[in-house]
Amino acid sequence: MAYTVIARRWRPQSLDEVVGQRHVTQTLRNAFGSGRVAQAFVFAGPRGVGKTTTARILARMLNCDHGPTADPCGQCDPCREIAEGRDMDVLEIDAATHTGIDNIREVIITGLAIRPARDRYKVFIIDEVHQLSNPSFNALLKSIEEPPPHVAFVMATTALDKIPDTIVSRSQVFEFKTISSRAIAEQLQKIADADGLQATPEAIALVARAAEGSMRDAQTAFDQVISFAGRAVGVDDVATVLGLVGRDLLFDVMTAVADENGPASFELAGRAVEAGYDLKLLCRELSRLVRDLLVLKVDPGRMQDAEIAPEGDRSKLQTLLPRFSQEDLLRAFDLLSKAEFDIRSAAEPRHQLEMALLRWIHLRKLTPLTALLDQLKGLPTPPAPQSPGRLVPPSSRPAPGPAPHAAPSAAPGPSRPATASPGSSAAGATRVTPVVPVMAAGEFLPAYHEALRAEKPGIYGTTVGLARVTADGDRVVFGAREFLAKRLAADKAWLESTAQRVAGQRMVVAIETLDAAAAADDPASGRAADAAPRPSKDELIATARAHPAVQTVLEIFPADIKDATELT
């Protein structure tokens, strides 16, 4: 006996077997229970979600020997013949083939007056009805508006908007929805159990997600995977047969981005190319993973939702979740969507992917320009060394005259918000007199700043100059406004490890929050809050250009400072 594919063997035979369309099946059941059965129906929705199958079930409900009934017996001649597609009173018409008006007149219009040969109703099932020509729709209009009592029309379409309003307004319209991945996975598991297959939940979940809401696509793909893998189906089998991207690679990419590991991103792009993955699909799957992380970020309770967080992925998702902010994920989704589009027409898709991953890493290092300006208000600009007791990082450059805080009025290009990633940090230095036991203070702080700058130059330039650092024995204290203090506190472990490496001994880092007055009157700024004379415009611009934070912004964005105003 010839093999029957899963999609046909497991085609629903009753309303109760239709998966994921309760709003349709419940309405039809209630209509038959109350005797309010229409004569023209339009079933609209994506492919493979049950439109034609439900149309056949509706024909059985109308013509069952025990009907009309919402629960056809499935044993009588009409039920069996309709299920097998050989009932002479149920005509299935492929509108993609029979588009002309002559076909409609021959098959439908001329036969309306002829009563059914055996069944209660003559049922016309028109598949892909939107393919009919305008003359065909016009010829069909009157028949649908006033059909004989023994005739019913069921029209299925994937493009409801292409059906004339005159047809739609004379029919009951049921819009079928895409089926959830969870419902598809449950059905595939039922099929596997019934056929005695050993399929891992992860493999079934991967097939279900790849189907994108289509039960028929899922069953067809599952059939193909079984042909390859035999009686035992695993994730690797699914990925190999369907050309899907393995979840391990996706998590490796996300981890490399979280670590800001540029070399690893090149290596992972190479691995994807060597594995033969479609790089557009890789970007799409990364976007889906980013979306899942964002859903969990917004609603942590969804961690138990198998559609968002499959059981085998939960531990990895929980590890990645704290390493990305909502803003990181929103920007990543936009970046990956653009990368997928660019790869379609790229001569070297691999290069597009590599650059996209590097841009993703870079975006995590940026700080909102508005946040920088907020940090600059009332905070000191690091002056040049003026005495042995005042130590500043080697990168700071002296500004002429007093050191008032200046903010550029011409913002240097559009800013891209970013949140500091784990392992990234900043520190600043203005004044210290205590001595560290192993190294003199005059040696420790410059070396400490140089180490921080070498490891994270972008973060260093946007934050170090805005904080105050002192050292006392084995203790290093960072003093800053609340916004900066929170960022420093998040990276306390990194600051301590760097300090210990530089000093050659155990060092403890403490974070102190300064109020506006304390920050403005800090003697390390080189001036008192109210004592400094008002500088000229040129002096303000020079001071702004000398500030490490502004220097970093100017390095990132193609802009220049046209004007500057002292903030009080």
Protein backbone atom coordinates (compact mmCIF):
# COMPACT_ATOMS: atom_id res chain seq x y z
CA MET A 1 0.00 0.00 0.00
CA ALA A 2 1.28 3.46 -0.94
CA TYR A 3 2.55 5.64 1.89
CA THR A 4 0.22 8.44 2.98
CA VAL A 5 1.99 11.54 4.21
CA ILE A 6 1.43 12.80 7.74
CA ALA A 7 -0.45 15.91 6.61
CA ARG A 8 -3.11 13.73 4.99
CA ARG A 9 -3.20 10.96 7.59
CA TRP A 10 -3.67 13.49 10.38
CA ARG A 11 -6.12 15.78 8.59
CA PRO A 12 -8.91 16.68 11.07
CA GLN A 13 -12.23 14.91 10.52
CA SER A 14 -14.34 16.89 13.01
CA LEU A 15 -14.45 20.35 14.56
CA ASP A 16 -12.89 19.01 17.76
CA GLU A 17 -9.77 17.93 15.85
CA VAL A 18 -9.13 21.34 14.29
CA VAL A 19 -6.16 22.88 16.14
CA GLY A 20 -5.84 26.53 17.07
CA GLN A 21 -9.09 27.85 15.53
CA ARG A 22 -11.54 27.71 18.43
CA HIS A 23 -13.16 31.02 17.44
CA VAL A 24 -14.20 29.37 14.14
CA THR A 25 -15.17 25.92 15.38
CA GLN A 26 -17.17 27.22 18.35
CA THR A 27 -19.14 29.63 16.14
CA LEU A 28 -19.98 26.89 13.63
CA ARG A 29 -20.97 24.49 16.40
CA ASN A 30 -23.30 27.03 17.98
CA ALA A 31 -24.78 27.94 14.58
CA PHE A 32 -25.70 24.32 13.88
CA GLY A 33 -27.03 23.90 17.40
CA SER A 34 -29.39 26.86 17.01
CA GLY A 35 -30.30 26.19 13.39
CA ARG A 36 -28.77 29.51 12.19
CA VAL A 37 -26.71 28.06 9.33
CA ALA A 38 -25.72 30.42 6.52
CA GLN A 39 -25.49 29.40 2.87
CA ALA A 40 -22.30 31.30 1.98
CA PHE A 41 -19.05 31.23 3.95
CA VAL A 42 -15.62 32.79 3.39
CA PHE A 43 -12.71 31.14 5.20
CA ALA A 44 -9.69 33.48 5.11
CA GLY A 45 -6.23 33.10 6.60
CA PRO A 46 -2.61 32.03 6.06
CA ARG A 47 -1.68 28.79 4.34
CA GLY A 48 -1.84 25.50 6.17
CA VAL A 49 -4.05 26.57 9.10
CA GLY A 50 -7.15 24.49 8.26
CA LYS A 51 -9.36 26.49 5.86
CA THR A 52 -10.03 23.79 3.24
CA THR A 53 -10.13 21.08 5.89
CA THR A 54 -12.79 22.99 7.84
CA ALA A 55 -14.73 23.50 4.59
CA ARG A 56 -14.85 19.72 4.10
CA ILE A 57 -15.89 19.21 7.70
CA LEU A 58 -18.67 21.77 7.14
CA ALA A 59 -19.84 19.81 4.09
CA ARG A 60 -20.02 16.66 6.25
CA MET A 61 -21.92 18.55 8.94
CA LEU A 62 -24.50 19.57 6.32
CA ASN A 63 -24.84 16.17 4.62
CA CYS A 64 -24.31 13.58 7.37
CA ASP A 65 -27.17 11.06 7.52
CA HIS A 66 -27.67 12.16 11.15
CA GLY A 67 -27.55 15.86 10.32
CA PRO A 68 -27.38 18.66 9.84
CA THR A 69 -25.23 18.26 12.92
CA ALA A 70 -22.15 19.80 14.51
CA ASP A 71 -20.79 16.28 15.11
CA PRO A 72 -20.96 14.21 11.89
CA CYS A 73 -20.75 10.47 12.49
CA GLY A 74 -17.92 9.83 10.03
CA GLN A 75 -19.35 6.39 9.24
CA CYS A 76 -22.20 7.07 6.82
CA ASP A 77 -21.68 7.16 3.05
CA PRO A 78 -21.75 10.98 2.74
CA CYS A 79 -19.21 11.37 5.58
CA ARG A 80 -16.82 8.81 4.14
CA GLU A 81 -17.11 9.97 0.55
CA ILE A 82 -16.65 13.64 1.43
CA ALA A 83 -13.54 12.77 3.46
CA GLU A 84 -12.17 10.84 0.49
CA GLY A 85 -13.04 13.61 -1.97
CA ARG A 86 -15.42 11.55 -4.13
CA ASP A 87 -18.89 12.75 -3.14
CA MET A 88 -20.62 13.86 -6.33
CA ASP A 89 -22.71 16.48 -4.50
CA VAL A 90 -19.67 18.21 -2.97
CA LEU A 91 -17.70 19.96 -5.69
CA GLU A 92 -14.23 21.29 -4.95
CA ILE A 93 -13.11 23.93 -7.43
CA ASP A 94 -9.56 25.25 -7.70
CA ALA A 95 -10.08 28.89 -8.60
CA ALA A 96 -6.42 29.22 -9.54
CA THR A 97 -7.14 26.87 -12.47
CA HIS A 98 -10.78 27.72 -13.22
CA THR A 99 -10.49 31.48 -13.29
CA GLY A 100 -12.60 32.28 -16.35
CA ILE A 101 -16.28 33.07 -16.45
CA ASP A 102 -16.99 30.10 -18.73
CA ASN A 103 -15.73 27.69 -16.06
CA ILE A 104 -17.90 29.30 -13.39
CA ARG A 105 -20.99 29.12 -15.60
CA GLU A 106 -20.34 25.51 -16.53
CA VAL A 107 -19.44 24.18 -13.08
CA ILE A 108 -21.58 26.31 -10.77
CA ILE A 109 -24.28 28.46 -12.32
CA THR A 110 -25.79 25.87 -14.67
CA GLY A 111 -25.87 23.30 -11.89
CA LEU A 112 -27.61 25.41 -9.25
CA ALA A 113 -31.10 24.45 -10.31
CA ILE A 114 -30.29 20.74 -10.28
CA ARG A 115 -31.02 19.17 -6.91
CA PRO A 116 -28.37 17.02 -5.18
CA ALA A 117 -28.15 13.47 -6.49
CA ARG A 118 -28.19 11.98 -2.99
CA ASP A 119 -27.09 14.39 -0.26
CA ARG A 120 -29.09 17.01 1.55
CA TYR A 121 -27.02 19.91 0.16
CA LYS A 122 -25.03 20.56 -2.96
CA VAL A 123 -21.85 22.17 -1.56
CA PHE A 124 -19.45 24.21 -3.70
CA ILE A 125 -15.99 24.53 -2.11
CA ILE A 126 -14.01 27.17 -4.03
CA ASP A 127 -10.35 27.13 -3.04
CA GLU A 128 -8.16 30.24 -3.56
CA VAL A 129 -11.30 32.12 -4.57
CA HIS A 130 -9.40 35.41 -4.87
CA GLN A 131 -7.89 34.08 -8.11
CA LEU A 132 -11.22 34.38 -9.95
CA SER A 133 -11.49 37.09 -12.58
CA ASN A 134 -13.81 40.08 -12.13
CA PRO A 135 -16.36 38.74 -14.66
CA SER A 136 -16.38 35.44 -12.74
CA PHE A 137 -17.09 37.24 -9.48
CA ASN A 138 -19.87 39.20 -11.15
CA ALA A 139 -21.43 36.01 -12.49
CA LEU A 140 -21.16 34.39 -9.05
CA LEU A 141 -22.61 37.36 -7.18
CA LYS A 142 -26.30 36.69 -7.80
CA SER A 143 -25.94 33.00 -7.01
CA ILE A 144 -24.34 33.78 -3.64
CA GLU A 145 -26.89 36.46 -2.81
CA GLU A 146 -29.95 34.27 -3.43
CA PRO A 147 -28.87 30.61 -3.66
CA PRO A 148 -31.42 27.81 -3.89
CA PRO A 149 -32.22 26.27 -0.48
CA HIS A 150 -30.28 23.10 -1.31
CA VAL A 151 -27.00 24.93 -2.15
CA ALA A 152 -24.14 26.11 0.10
CA PHE A 153 -20.97 27.98 -0.88
CA VAL A 154 -17.70 27.72 1.06
CA MET A 155 -14.90 29.93 -0.29
CA ALA A 156 -11.34 29.67 0.99
CA THR A 157 -8.67 32.34 0.42
CA THR A 158 -5.29 33.53 1.61
CA ALA A 159 -6.00 37.08 0.38
CA LEU A 160 -9.29 38.35 1.74
CA ASP A 161 -8.60 41.87 0.50
CA LYS A 162 -8.69 40.65 -3.12
CA ILE A 163 -12.27 39.44 -2.88
CA PRO A 164 -14.83 42.05 -3.98
CA ASP A 165 -16.77 43.65 -1.16
CA THR A 166 -20.00 42.64 -2.85
CA ILE A 167 -19.09 38.97 -2.31
CA VAL A 168 -17.77 39.45 1.21
CA SER A 169 -20.85 41.38 2.37
CA ARG A 170 -23.11 38.47 1.31
CA SER A 171 -21.12 35.82 3.17
CA GLN A 172 -20.21 34.94 6.72
CA VAL A 173 -16.46 35.61 7.01
CA PHE A 174 -14.29 33.51 9.32
CA GLU A 175 -10.67 34.64 9.66
CA PHE A 176 -8.33 31.79 10.54
CA LYS A 177 -5.24 32.62 12.59
CA THR A 178 -1.71 31.32 12.56
CA ILE A 179 -1.31 28.47 15.04
CA SER A 180 0.93 28.92 18.06
CA SER A 181 4.23 27.06 18.17
CA ARG A 182 3.12 25.39 21.39
CA ALA A 183 -0.06 23.98 19.78
CA ILE A 184 1.91 22.76 16.76
CA ALA A 185 4.52 21.12 19.00
CA GLU A 186 1.81 19.35 20.98
CA GLN A 187 0.28 17.99 17.78
CA LEU A 188 3.67 16.82 16.47
CA GLN A 189 4.35 15.09 19.78
CA LYS A 190 1.00 13.33 19.50
CA ILE A 191 1.92 12.19 15.99
CA ALA A 192 5.34 10.97 17.16
CA ASP A 193 3.81 9.00 20.03
CA ALA A 194 1.19 7.42 17.77
CA ASP A 195 3.82 6.38 15.20
CA GLY A 196 6.26 5.11 17.85
CA LEU A 197 8.93 7.71 17.10
CA GLN A 198 11.59 8.92 19.53
CA ALA A 199 11.71 12.68 18.99
CA THR A 200 13.29 15.01 21.55
CA PRO A 201 11.17 17.96 22.75
CA GLU A 202 13.87 20.34 21.48
CA ALA A 203 13.68 18.84 17.98
CA ILE A 204 9.90 19.07 17.90
CA ALA A 205 10.01 22.65 19.19
CA LEU A 206 12.48 23.58 16.45
CA VAL A 207 10.20 22.15 13.75
CA ALA A 208 7.22 23.95 15.26
CA ARG A 209 9.01 27.31 15.35
CA ALA A 210 10.24 26.87 11.77
CA ALA A 211 6.66 26.29 10.56
CA GLU A 212 5.76 29.89 11.49
CA GLY A 213 2.17 29.10 12.41
CA SER A 214 1.31 26.61 9.65
CA MET A 215 0.29 23.15 10.83
CA ARG A 216 0.57 21.68 7.34
CA ASP A 217 4.09 23.08 6.90
CA ALA A 218 5.07 21.62 10.26
CA GLN A 219 3.70 18.17 9.41
CA THR A 220 5.36 18.19 5.99
CA ALA A 221 8.71 19.22 7.50
CA PHE A 222 8.37 16.58 10.24
CA ASP A 223 7.75 13.94 7.57
CA GLN A 224 10.93 15.02 5.79
CA VAL A 225 13.00 14.92 8.99
CA ILE A 226 11.72 11.43 9.82
CA SER A 227 12.76 10.23 6.37
CA PHE A 228 16.30 11.44 7.13
CA ALA A 229 16.65 10.49 10.80
CA GLY A 230 14.60 7.32 11.03
CA ARG A 231 12.90 6.42 14.30
CA ALA A 232 14.95 8.78 16.48
CA VAL A 233 14.82 12.51 15.75
CA GLY A 234 17.16 15.05 17.37
CA VAL A 235 17.86 18.76 17.04
CA ASP A 236 20.84 18.20 14.74
CA ASP A 237 18.66 16.15 12.39
CA VAL A 238 16.11 18.97 12.17
CA ALA A 239 18.78 21.61 11.61
CA THR A 240 20.49 19.54 8.92
CA VAL A 241 17.39 18.62 6.92
CA LEU A 242 15.57 21.93 7.12
CA GLY A 243 18.68 24.12 6.90
CA LEU A 244 17.89 25.75 10.22
CA VAL A 245 20.43 27.51 12.41
CA GLY A 246 21.38 25.58 15.52
CA ARG A 247 20.43 27.27 18.76
CA ASP A 248 23.94 26.76 20.16
CA LEU A 249 25.38 29.04 17.48
CA LEU A 250 22.78 31.71 18.24
CA PHE A 251 23.63 31.67 21.94
CA ASP A 252 27.35 31.76 21.14
CA VAL A 253 26.82 34.90 19.04
CA MET A 254 24.81 36.57 21.81
CA THR A 255 27.50 35.69 24.34
CA ALA A 256 30.26 37.10 22.12
CA VAL A 257 28.34 40.37 21.79
CA ALA A 258 27.73 40.52 25.54
CA ASP A 259 31.48 39.98 26.09
CA GLU A 260 32.26 42.63 23.46
CA ASN A 261 34.51 40.03 21.87
CA GLY A 262 35.20 41.20 18.33
CA PRO A 263 37.50 38.32 17.30
CA ALA A 264 34.88 35.80 18.40
CA SER A 265 32.28 37.47 16.17
CA PHE A 266 34.50 36.89 13.11
CA GLU A 267 35.06 33.28 14.14
CA LEU A 268 31.32 32.66 14.60
CA ALA A 269 30.51 34.23 11.22
CA GLY A 270 33.05 31.87 9.68
CA ARG A 271 31.50 28.91 11.46
CA ALA A 272 28.09 29.82 10.05
CA VAL A 273 29.49 30.03 6.52
CA GLU A 274 31.32 26.71 6.85
CA ALA A 275 28.14 25.04 8.12
CA GLY A 276 26.35 26.23 4.98
CA TYR A 277 23.76 28.33 6.82
CA ASP A 278 21.74 30.91 4.96
CA LEU A 279 23.04 34.11 6.58
CA LYS A 280 19.67 35.82 6.07
CA LEU A 281 18.12 33.04 8.11
CA LEU A 282 20.85 33.44 10.74
CA CYS A 283 19.96 37.14 11.13
CA ARG A 284 16.28 36.24 11.30
CA GLU A 285 16.86 33.65 14.01
CA LEU A 286 19.06 36.08 15.96
CA SER A 287 16.23 38.62 15.72
CA ARG A 288 13.84 36.03 17.09
CA LEU A 289 16.18 35.26 19.99
CA VAL A 290 16.57 38.99 20.70
CA ARG A 291 12.79 39.31 20.66
CA ASP A 292 12.44 36.41 23.11
CA LEU A 293 14.95 38.04 25.46
CA LEU A 294 13.08 41.34 25.23
CA VAL A 295 9.78 39.62 26.07
CA LEU A 296 11.43 38.05 29.13
CA LYS A 297 12.96 41.42 30.05
CA VAL A 298 9.53 43.07 29.99
CA ASP A 299 7.65 40.13 31.53
CA PRO A 300 9.91 37.76 33.53
CA GLY A 301 6.89 35.52 34.20
CA ARG A 302 7.06 34.30 30.59
CA MET A 303 10.16 32.26 31.47
CA GLN A 304 7.80 29.29 31.96
CA ASP A 305 6.23 29.82 28.53
CA ALA A 306 7.59 27.06 26.29
CA GLU A 307 6.96 29.16 23.18
CA ILE A 308 9.26 31.93 24.44
CA ALA A 309 11.67 29.88 26.54
CA PRO A 310 11.85 26.19 25.58
CA GLU A 311 12.88 24.03 28.51
CA GLY A 312 16.28 23.24 27.03
CA ASP A 313 17.09 26.94 26.52
CA ARG A 314 15.97 28.39 29.85
CA SER A 315 19.30 28.25 31.64
CA LYS A 316 21.05 29.98 28.73
CA LEU A 317 18.34 32.62 28.52
CA GLN A 318 18.60 33.28 32.26
CA THR A 319 22.37 33.73 31.88
CA LEU A 320 22.04 36.21 29.01
CA LEU A 321 19.07 38.14 30.40
CA PRO A 322 20.93 40.40 32.89
CA ARG A 323 23.65 41.16 30.34
CA PHE A 324 21.36 43.12 28.01
CA SER A 325 19.14 46.09 28.75
CA GLN A 326 15.84 46.70 27.00
CA GLU A 327 17.49 49.48 25.00
CA ASP A 328 20.29 47.10 23.91
CA LEU A 329 17.74 44.59 22.65
CA LEU A 330 15.60 47.16 20.85
CA ARG A 331 18.63 48.50 19.00
CA ALA A 332 19.82 44.97 18.25
CA PHE A 333 16.48 44.02 16.70
CA ASP A 334 16.59 47.03 14.36
CA LEU A 335 20.23 46.34 13.46
CA LEU A 336 19.61 42.65 12.69
CA SER A 337 16.51 43.42 10.62
CA LYS A 338 18.54 45.83 8.51
CA ALA A 339 21.39 43.31 8.23
CA GLU A 340 18.99 40.65 6.93
CA PHE A 341 17.77 43.09 4.28
CA ASP A 342 21.31 44.12 3.29
CA ILE A 343 22.51 40.51 3.02
CA ARG A 344 19.87 39.78 0.37
CA SER A 345 21.64 41.96 -2.19
CA ALA A 346 25.20 41.81 -0.88
CA ALA A 347 28.01 40.46 -3.06
CA GLU A 348 29.73 39.22 0.12
CA PRO A 349 27.02 38.27 2.65
CA ARG A 350 29.64 37.18 5.19
CA HIS A 351 31.14 40.67 5.29
CA GLN A 352 27.72 42.20 5.93
CA LEU A 353 27.16 39.80 8.83
CA GLU A 354 30.58 40.49 10.35
CA MET A 355 30.10 44.26 10.17
CA ALA A 356 26.63 43.93 11.68
CA LEU A 357 28.01 42.01 14.66
CA LEU A 358 30.78 44.58 15.18
CA ARG A 359 28.25 47.43 15.00
CA TRP A 360 26.16 45.60 17.57
CA ILE A 361 29.16 45.39 19.90
CA HIS A 362 29.98 49.06 19.31
CA LEU A 363 26.42 50.21 20.02
CA ARG A 364 26.66 48.74 23.50
CA LYS A 365 29.58 51.08 24.27
CA LEU A 366 27.77 54.31 23.43
CA THR A 367 26.22 56.58 26.01
CA PRO A 368 23.20 58.82 25.31
CA LEU A 369 24.32 62.37 24.50
CA THR A 370 21.61 63.75 26.78
CA ALA A 371 22.99 61.62 29.59
CA LEU A 372 26.47 63.00 28.96
CA LEU A 373 25.16 66.56 29.16
CA ASP A 374 23.31 65.74 32.37
CA GLN A 375 26.53 64.32 33.82
CA LEU A 376 28.48 67.40 32.77
CA LYS A 377 26.22 69.80 34.68
CA GLY A 378 27.99 71.05 37.79
CA LEU A 379 30.83 68.51 37.54
CA PRO A 380 34.54 69.47 37.38
CA THR A 381 36.70 69.33 34.28
CA PRO A 382 40.00 67.55 34.99
CA PRO A 383 42.80 70.17 35.06
CA ALA A 384 46.45 69.65 34.22
CA PRO A 385 48.77 68.64 37.08
CA GLN A 386 49.82 71.69 39.11
CA SER A 387 51.39 70.16 42.20
CA PRO A 388 52.81 66.83 43.34
CA GLY A 389 49.65 66.22 45.35
CA ARG A 390 47.29 66.53 42.37
CA LEU A 391 47.26 63.53 40.06
CA VAL A 392 45.32 63.32 36.80
CA PRO A 393 45.16 60.67 34.10
CA PRO A 394 47.79 61.07 31.40
CA SER A 395 45.06 61.45 28.73
CA SER A 396 43.75 64.71 30.20
CA ARG A 397 44.82 67.86 28.40
CA PRO A 398 45.05 71.26 30.11
CA ALA A 399 42.49 73.95 29.30
CA PRO A 400 43.44 77.65 29.27
CA GLY A 401 42.45 79.78 32.22
CA PRO A 402 40.02 78.64 34.88
CA ALA A 403 38.27 75.36 34.30
CA PRO A 404 34.56 76.14 34.14
CA HIS A 405 32.28 73.42 32.88
CA ALA A 406 31.24 74.06 29.29
CA ALA A 407 28.63 72.25 27.24
CA PRO A 408 28.57 72.47 23.46
CA SER A 409 25.37 73.97 22.13
CA ALA A 410 25.79 72.18 18.78
CA ALA A 411 25.15 68.53 19.52
CA PRO A 412 27.65 66.36 17.61
CA GLY A 413 25.36 64.31 15.41
CA PRO A 414 22.51 61.97 16.38
CA SER A 415 23.12 59.90 19.45
CA ARG A 416 22.46 56.22 19.78
CA PRO A 417 21.49 55.27 23.34
CA ALA A 418 23.34 52.44 24.92
CA THR A 419 23.64 50.81 28.27
CA ALA A 420 26.97 49.81 29.79
CA SER A 421 27.57 46.14 29.32
CA PRO A 422 28.85 43.78 31.99
CA GLY A 423 32.58 44.03 32.23
CA SER A 424 32.64 47.60 30.92
CA SER A 425 33.28 50.45 33.31
CA ALA A 426 34.87 53.81 33.89
CA ALA A 427 36.76 55.73 36.51
CA GLY A 428 38.03 59.27 36.86
CA ALA A 429 40.77 61.09 38.75
CA THR A 430 41.34 64.59 40.00
CA ARG A 431 43.06 64.68 43.40
CA VAL A 432 44.78 62.31 45.80
CA THR A 433 47.39 62.74 48.53
CA PRO A 434 47.43 59.44 50.51
CA VAL A 435 50.05 56.85 49.67
CA VAL A 436 49.39 53.28 48.56
CA PRO A 437 51.74 50.89 50.37
CA VAL A 438 53.22 49.05 47.37
CA MET A 439 53.23 51.98 44.94
CA ALA A 440 53.48 55.69 45.58
CA ALA A 441 50.26 57.60 44.92
CA GLY A 442 51.97 59.51 42.16
CA GLU A 443 52.68 56.21 40.42
CA PHE A 444 49.49 54.28 41.18
CA LEU A 445 46.74 56.58 39.97
CA PRO A 446 48.27 57.46 36.58
CA ALA A 447 49.01 53.78 35.99
CA TYR A 448 45.52 52.86 37.14
CA HIS A 449 43.93 55.36 34.76
CA GLU A 450 46.12 54.22 31.91
CA ALA A 451 45.06 50.60 32.48
CA LEU A 452 41.38 51.54 32.53
CA ARG A 453 41.76 53.61 29.39
CA ALA A 454 43.62 50.82 27.56
CA GLU A 455 40.94 48.25 28.36
CA LYS A 456 37.84 50.40 27.71
CA PRO A 457 38.83 53.59 25.88
CA GLY A 458 35.28 54.57 24.91
CA ILE A 459 33.81 54.13 28.36
CA TYR A 460 36.89 55.72 29.94
CA GLY A 461 36.60 58.84 27.84
CA THR A 462 32.89 59.34 28.57
CA THR A 463 32.97 58.71 32.31
CA VAL A 464 36.41 58.90 33.95
CA GLY A 465 36.74 62.65 33.62
CA LEU A 466 33.41 63.05 35.41
CA ALA A 467 34.31 61.17 38.59
CA ARG A 468 36.65 61.92 41.52
CA VAL A 469 39.13 59.24 42.62
CA THR A 470 41.11 59.11 45.84
CA ALA A 471 43.32 56.39 47.28
CA ASP A 472 43.99 55.64 50.94
CA GLY A 473 46.08 52.58 51.74
CA ASP A 474 44.42 49.62 50.06
CA ARG A 475 41.20 51.54 49.41
CA VAL A 476 40.23 53.40 46.22
CA VAL A 477 37.19 55.69 46.43
CA PHE A 478 35.19 56.85 43.39
CA GLY A 479 33.04 59.93 44.03
CA ALA A 480 30.47 60.95 41.42
CA ARG A 481 26.95 62.19 40.82
CA GLU A 482 24.17 59.64 41.18
CA PHE A 483 23.94 58.69 37.49
CA LEU A 484 27.66 57.98 37.17
CA ALA A 485 27.86 56.38 40.61
CA LYS A 486 25.31 53.75 39.56
CA ARG A 487 27.35 52.88 36.50
CA LEU A 488 30.52 52.60 38.56
CA ALA A 489 28.79 50.43 41.17
CA ALA A 490 27.66 48.01 38.47
CA ASP A 491 31.30 47.49 37.46
CA LYS A 492 32.84 47.44 40.92
CA ALA A 493 34.35 43.98 40.47
CA TRP A 494 36.15 45.04 37.30
CA LEU A 495 37.48 48.22 38.91
CA GLU A 496 38.84 46.24 41.86
CA SER A 497 40.51 43.61 39.70
CA THR A 498 42.22 46.30 37.61
CA ALA A 499 43.35 48.16 40.75
CA GLN A 500 44.79 44.96 42.23
CA ARG A 501 46.66 44.16 39.04
CA VAL A 502 48.16 47.66 38.88
CA ALA A 503 49.01 47.93 42.60
CA GLY A 504 50.22 44.37 43.00
CA GLN A 505 48.16 43.87 46.16
CA ARG A 506 44.59 43.49 47.32
CA MET A 507 42.59 46.68 46.70
CA VAL A 508 39.04 47.58 47.69
CA VAL A 509 36.93 49.93 45.57
CA ALA A 510 34.18 52.03 47.15
CA ILE A 511 31.59 54.17 45.35
CA GLU A 512 30.34 57.43 46.88
CA THR A 513 27.45 59.52 45.56
CA LEU A 514 28.12 63.28 45.54
CA ASP A 515 25.45 65.95 45.53
CA ALA A 516 25.64 68.81 43.04
CA ALA A 517 27.23 71.22 45.51
CA ALA A 518 29.94 68.79 46.55
CA ALA A 519 30.78 68.01 42.94
CA ALA A 520 30.84 71.65 41.89
CA ASP A 521 32.97 72.79 44.85
CA ASP A 522 35.40 69.92 44.61
CA PRO A 523 38.84 71.51 45.01
CA ALA A 524 40.19 69.03 42.48
CA SER A 525 38.33 70.89 39.79
CA GLY A 526 40.81 73.72 40.17
CA ARG A 527 38.23 76.38 41.14
CA ALA A 528 35.55 77.19 43.67
CA ALA A 529 31.92 77.18 42.53
CA ASP A 530 31.45 80.93 42.74
CA ALA A 531 34.97 82.31 42.71
CA ALA A 532 35.96 81.82 39.09
CA PRO A 533 35.67 84.71 36.65
CA ARG A 534 33.41 84.21 33.66
CA PRO A 535 35.47 82.86 30.77
CA SER A 536 35.17 84.01 27.17
CA LYS A 537 33.41 82.03 24.45
CA ASP A 538 36.74 80.93 22.93
CA GLU A 539 37.96 79.74 26.33
CA LEU A 540 34.75 77.74 26.84
CA ILE A 541 35.10 76.09 23.43
CA ALA A 542 38.76 75.27 24.13
CA THR A 543 37.81 73.84 27.53
CA ALA A 544 35.04 71.75 26.02
CA ARG A 545 37.36 70.39 23.33
CA ALA A 546 39.94 69.45 25.96
CA HIS A 547 37.41 67.49 28.02
CA PRO A 548 37.87 63.69 27.60
CA ALA A 549 34.10 63.08 27.37
CA VAL A 550 33.71 65.62 24.58
CA GLN A 551 36.82 64.31 22.83
CA THR A 552 35.32 60.84 22.74
CA VAL A 553 32.03 62.14 21.34
CA LEU A 554 33.89 64.05 18.63
CA GLU A 555 35.85 60.92 17.76
CA ILE A 556 32.64 58.93 17.34
CA PHE A 557 30.52 61.50 15.49
CA PRO A 558 31.61 63.69 12.52
CA ALA A 559 30.93 67.04 14.18
CA ASP A 560 32.58 70.11 15.67
CA ILE A 561 31.76 72.58 18.43
CA LYS A 562 30.41 75.89 17.12
CA ASP A 563 29.39 77.48 20.40
CA ALA A 564 29.58 76.80 24.14
CA THR A 565 27.80 78.13 27.20
CA GLU A 566 28.84 77.85 30.83
CA LEU A 567 26.30 75.93 32.89
CA THR A 568 25.63 77.28 36.36
